[in-house]
Amino acid sequence: MKCKLCGKELEGFGNNALPYDDTICCDDCNNNIVLPLRLFLTGMVQDQILVISATNNTLEYIKITGKEVELEQLQNLVEGYIELVPLKHKYLLFIVNEEGLLYDMPYNKLANKILGIDVVGNLIICPKKLFK
């Protein structure tokens, strides 16, 4: 059997890939993709933002060195003006391009898989502590 995330042969039984995907993954994908995502979504990671890319379906963690993330950095990551997605979470905010539909940005399939939301363009998940 092969890992559904990277395509490598599984050793042993494999691992549950949720919330990244509802399939089975190898130990490497579990350690490098799935577990960091689970930890981030709990809100325990307070010094990084997560960018879920719409164009290549990847996750990118960006460490924030100051007390808060800069507006210009968020705008660059979403390629335009920012807008908060109205999702309630105790520790996290969800940010997209406010004009993503107008600019015909690609549908973010990975954001739909992970969070069950429909957004276009990149999605930023930011700890509330870093957003002022």
C-alpha atoms as a PDB file:
ATOM      1  CA  MET A   1       0.000   0.000   0.000  1.00  0.00           C
ATOM      2  CA  LYS A   2       1.238   3.532  -0.796  1.00  0.00           C
ATOM      3  CA  CYS A   3       1.107   6.793   1.163  1.00  0.00           C
ATOM      4  CA  LYS A   4      -1.665   8.966  -0.270  1.00  0.00           C
ATOM      5  CA  LEU A   5       0.316  12.150   0.418  1.00  0.00           C
ATOM      6  CA  CYS A   6       3.762  11.401  -1.051  1.00  0.00           C
ATOM      7  CA  GLY A   7       3.318   8.102  -2.894  1.00  0.00           C
ATOM      8  CA  LYS A   8       5.981   6.125  -0.988  1.00  0.00           C
ATOM      9  CA  GLU A   9       5.365   2.538   0.073  1.00  0.00           C
ATOM     10  CA  LEU A  10       4.006   2.254   3.605  1.00  0.00           C
ATOM     11  CA  GLU A  11       5.928   0.375   6.247  1.00  0.00           C
ATOM     12  CA  GLY A  12       3.626  -1.181   8.807  1.00  0.00           C
ATOM     13  CA  PHE A  13       0.038  -0.037   9.095  1.00  0.00           C
ATOM     14  CA  GLY A  14       0.514   3.626   8.207  1.00  0.00           C
ATOM     15  CA  ASN A  15      -0.927   6.633  10.014  1.00  0.00           C
ATOM     16  CA  ASN A  16      -4.205   8.508  10.055  1.00  0.00           C
ATOM     17  CA  ALA A  17      -3.670  11.620   7.884  1.00  0.00           C
ATOM     18  CA  LEU A  18      -6.542  13.662   9.337  1.00  0.00           C
ATOM     19  CA  PRO A  19      -6.989  16.650   9.250  1.00  0.00           C
ATOM     20  CA  TYR A  20      -4.723  16.927   6.183  1.00  0.00           C
ATOM     21  CA  ASP A  21      -6.565  14.213   4.304  1.00  0.00           C
ATOM     22  CA  ASP A  22      -8.931  11.372   5.149  1.00  0.00           C
ATOM     23  CA  THR A  23      -6.515   8.674   4.019  1.00  0.00           C
ATOM     24  CA  ILE A  24      -3.445   6.852   5.297  1.00  0.00           C
ATOM     25  CA  CYS A  25       0.050   8.339   5.242  1.00  0.00           C
ATOM     26  CA  CYS A  26       3.611   7.179   5.839  1.00  0.00           C
ATOM     27  CA  ASP A  27       5.660   7.952   8.955  1.00  0.00           C
ATOM     28  CA  ASP A  28       7.560  10.787   7.218  1.00  0.00           C
ATOM     29  CA  CYS A  29       4.375  12.575   6.098  1.00  0.00           C
ATOM     30  CA  ASN A  30       2.841  11.988   9.516  1.00  0.00           C
ATOM     31  CA  ASN A  31       5.851  13.584  11.257  1.00  0.00           C
ATOM     32  CA  ASN A  32       6.403  16.433   8.777  1.00  0.00           C
ATOM     33  CA  ILE A  33       2.870  17.358   7.663  1.00  0.00           C
ATOM     34  CA  VAL A  34       0.066  15.847   9.725  1.00  0.00           C
ATOM     35  CA  LEU A  35       1.348  16.192  13.298  1.00  0.00           C
ATOM     36  CA  PRO A  36       2.582  19.813  12.879  1.00  0.00           C
ATOM     37  CA  LEU A  37      -0.821  20.696  11.400  1.00  0.00           C
ATOM     38  CA  ARG A  38      -2.689  19.078  14.283  1.00  0.00           C
ATOM     39  CA  LEU A  39      -0.492  20.888  16.803  1.00  0.00           C
ATOM     40  CA  PHE A  40      -0.975  24.215  15.013  1.00  0.00           C
ATOM     41  CA  LEU A  41      -4.765  23.852  14.866  1.00  0.00           C
ATOM     42  CA  THR A  42      -4.934  23.318  18.640  1.00  0.00           C
ATOM     43  CA  GLY A  43      -3.696  26.893  19.077  1.00  0.00           C
ATOM     44  CA  MET A  44      -0.630  25.841  21.055  1.00  0.00           C
ATOM     45  CA  VAL A  45       1.772  27.285  18.451  1.00  0.00           C
ATOM     46  CA  GLN A  46       1.780  31.027  19.154  1.00  0.00           C
ATOM     47  CA  ASP A  47       4.824  32.272  17.179  1.00  0.00           C
ATOM     48  CA  GLN A  48       3.975  31.085  13.653  1.00  0.00           C
ATOM     49  CA  ILE A  49       1.381  31.641  10.981  1.00  0.00           C
ATOM     50  CA  LEU A  50       0.275  28.955   8.557  1.00  0.00           C
ATOM     51  CA  VAL A  51      -0.295  29.638   4.873  1.00  0.00           C
ATOM     52  CA  ILE A  52      -2.417  27.126   2.972  1.00  0.00           C
ATOM     53  CA  SER A  53      -1.601  27.695  -0.693  1.00  0.00           C
ATOM     54  CA  ALA A  54      -4.362  27.480  -3.266  1.00  0.00           C
ATOM     55  CA  THR A  55      -2.072  27.096  -6.261  1.00  0.00           C
ATOM     56  CA  ASN A  56       0.073  24.146  -5.176  1.00  0.00           C
ATOM     57  CA  ASN A  57      -1.900  22.704  -2.217  1.00  0.00           C
ATOM     58  CA  THR A  58       0.927  23.060   0.294  1.00  0.00           C
ATOM     59  CA  LEU A  59       1.314  24.177   3.877  1.00  0.00           C
ATOM     60  CA  GLU A  60       3.940  26.758   4.799  1.00  0.00           C
ATOM     61  CA  TYR A  61       4.719  27.732   8.386  1.00  0.00           C
ATOM     62  CA  ILE A  62       6.212  31.204   8.837  1.00  0.00           C
ATOM     63  CA  LYS A  63       7.854  32.106  12.136  1.00  0.00           C
ATOM     64  CA  ILE A  64       7.029  35.608  13.364  1.00  0.00           C
ATOM     65  CA  THR A  65       9.949  37.186  15.205  1.00  0.00           C
ATOM     66  CA  GLY A  66       8.209  40.268  16.613  1.00  0.00           C
ATOM     67  CA  LYS A  67       5.195  40.628  18.882  1.00  0.00           C
ATOM     68  CA  GLU A  68       2.768  40.715  15.965  1.00  0.00           C
ATOM     69  CA  VAL A  69       2.542  39.982  12.251  1.00  0.00           C
ATOM     70  CA  GLU A  70       2.826  42.994   9.942  1.00  0.00           C
ATOM     71  CA  LEU A  71      -0.143  43.997   7.768  1.00  0.00           C
ATOM     72  CA  GLU A  72       2.081  44.204   4.673  1.00  0.00           C
ATOM     73  CA  GLN A  73       3.266  40.633   5.241  1.00  0.00           C
ATOM     74  CA  LEU A  74      -0.331  39.373   5.409  1.00  0.00           C
ATOM     75  CA  GLN A  75      -1.266  41.340   2.288  1.00  0.00           C
ATOM     76  CA  ASN A  76       1.705  39.891   0.386  1.00  0.00           C
ATOM     77  CA  LEU A  77       0.765  36.361   1.413  1.00  0.00           C
ATOM     78  CA  VAL A  78      -2.849  36.701   0.223  1.00  0.00           C
ATOM     79  CA  GLU A  79      -1.840  38.873  -2.748  1.00  0.00           C
ATOM     80  CA  GLY A  80      -4.123  41.787  -1.882  1.00  0.00           C
ATOM     81  CA  TYR A  81      -6.270  43.297   0.852  1.00  0.00           C
ATOM     82  CA  ILE A  82      -6.994  41.006   3.786  1.00  0.00           C
ATOM     83  CA  GLU A  83     -10.363  39.870   5.097  1.00  0.00           C
ATOM     84  CA  LEU A  84     -11.148  37.733   8.141  1.00  0.00           C
ATOM     85  CA  VAL A  85     -13.136  34.580   7.447  1.00  0.00           C
ATOM     86  CA  PRO A  86     -16.023  34.415   9.946  1.00  0.00           C
ATOM     87  CA  LEU A  87     -14.993  31.197  11.689  1.00  0.00           C
ATOM     88  CA  LYS A  88     -15.074  31.036  15.455  1.00  0.00           C
ATOM     89  CA  HIS A  89     -11.964  29.599  17.050  1.00  0.00           C
ATOM     90  CA  LYS A  90     -10.652  30.239  20.528  1.00  0.00           C
ATOM     91  CA  TYR A  91      -7.033  30.878  19.465  1.00  0.00           C
ATOM     92  CA  LEU A  92      -6.907  31.343  15.677  1.00  0.00           C
ATOM     93  CA  LEU A  93      -7.990  33.794  12.964  1.00  0.00           C
ATOM     94  CA  PHE A  94      -8.498  32.856   9.324  1.00  0.00           C
ATOM     95  CA  ILE A  95      -7.458  35.395   6.687  1.00  0.00           C
ATOM     96  CA  VAL A  96      -8.025  35.508   2.899  1.00  0.00           C
ATOM     97  CA  ASN A  97      -7.879  38.002   0.040  1.00  0.00           C
ATOM     98  CA  GLU A  98     -10.917  40.264   0.291  1.00  0.00           C
ATOM     99  CA  GLU A  99     -11.244  40.431  -3.506  1.00  0.00           C
ATOM    100  CA  GLY A 100     -10.294  36.849  -4.297  1.00  0.00           C
ATOM    101  CA  LEU A 101     -13.502  36.124  -6.198  1.00  0.00           C
ATOM    102  CA  LEU A 102     -13.205  39.328  -8.229  1.00  0.00           C
ATOM    103  CA  TYR A 103      -9.652  38.403  -9.257  1.00  0.00           C
ATOM    104  CA  ASP A 104     -10.762  34.844 -10.113  1.00  0.00           C
ATOM    105  CA  MET A 105      -8.247  33.298  -7.704  1.00  0.00           C
ATOM    106  CA  PRO A 106      -8.090  29.494  -7.648  1.00  0.00           C
ATOM    107  CA  TYR A 107     -10.293  27.504  -5.291  1.00  0.00           C
ATOM    108  CA  ASN A 108      -8.356  26.376  -2.210  1.00  0.00           C
ATOM    109  CA  LYS A 109      -8.978  22.623  -2.174  1.00  0.00           C
ATOM    110  CA  LEU A 110      -6.641  21.996   0.747  1.00  0.00           C
ATOM    111  CA  ALA A 111      -8.423  24.552   2.961  1.00  0.00           C
ATOM    112  CA  ASN A 112     -11.664  22.766   2.148  1.00  0.00           C
ATOM    113  CA  LYS A 113     -10.170  19.384   3.083  1.00  0.00           C
ATOM    114  CA  ILE A 114      -8.640  20.605   6.335  1.00  0.00           C
ATOM    115  CA  LEU A 115     -11.271  23.059   7.588  1.00  0.00           C
ATOM    116  CA  GLY A 116     -14.346  22.310   5.483  1.00  0.00           C
ATOM    117  CA  ILE A 117     -14.599  25.898   4.234  1.00  0.00           C
ATOM    118  CA  ASP A 118     -14.871  27.264   0.723  1.00  0.00           C
ATOM    119  CA  VAL A 119     -12.292  29.983   0.007  1.00  0.00           C
ATOM    120  CA  VAL A 120     -10.327  31.137  -3.003  1.00  0.00           C
ATOM    121  CA  GLY A 121      -6.677  32.110  -2.968  1.00  0.00           C
ATOM    122  CA  ASN A 122      -4.260  31.538  -0.113  1.00  0.00           C
ATOM    123  CA  LEU A 123      -5.625  31.082   3.400  1.00  0.00           C
ATOM    124  CA  ILE A 124      -3.612  32.317   6.368  1.00  0.00           C
ATOM    125  CA  ILE A 125      -4.232  30.875   9.800  1.00  0.00           C
ATOM    126  CA  CYS A 126      -2.913  33.284  12.401  1.00  0.00           C
ATOM    127  CA  PRO A 127      -2.874  33.045  16.199  1.00  0.00           C
ATOM    128  CA  LYS A 128      -5.040  35.831  17.637  1.00  0.00           C
ATOM    129  CA  LYS A 129      -2.100  36.849  19.815  1.00  0.00           C
ATOM    130  CA  LEU A 130      -0.099  37.867  16.695  1.00  0.00           C
ATOM    131  CA  PHE A 131      -2.889  39.861  15.016  1.00  0.00           C
ATOM    132  CA  LYS A 132      -3.344  43.467  16.167  1.00  0.00           C
END
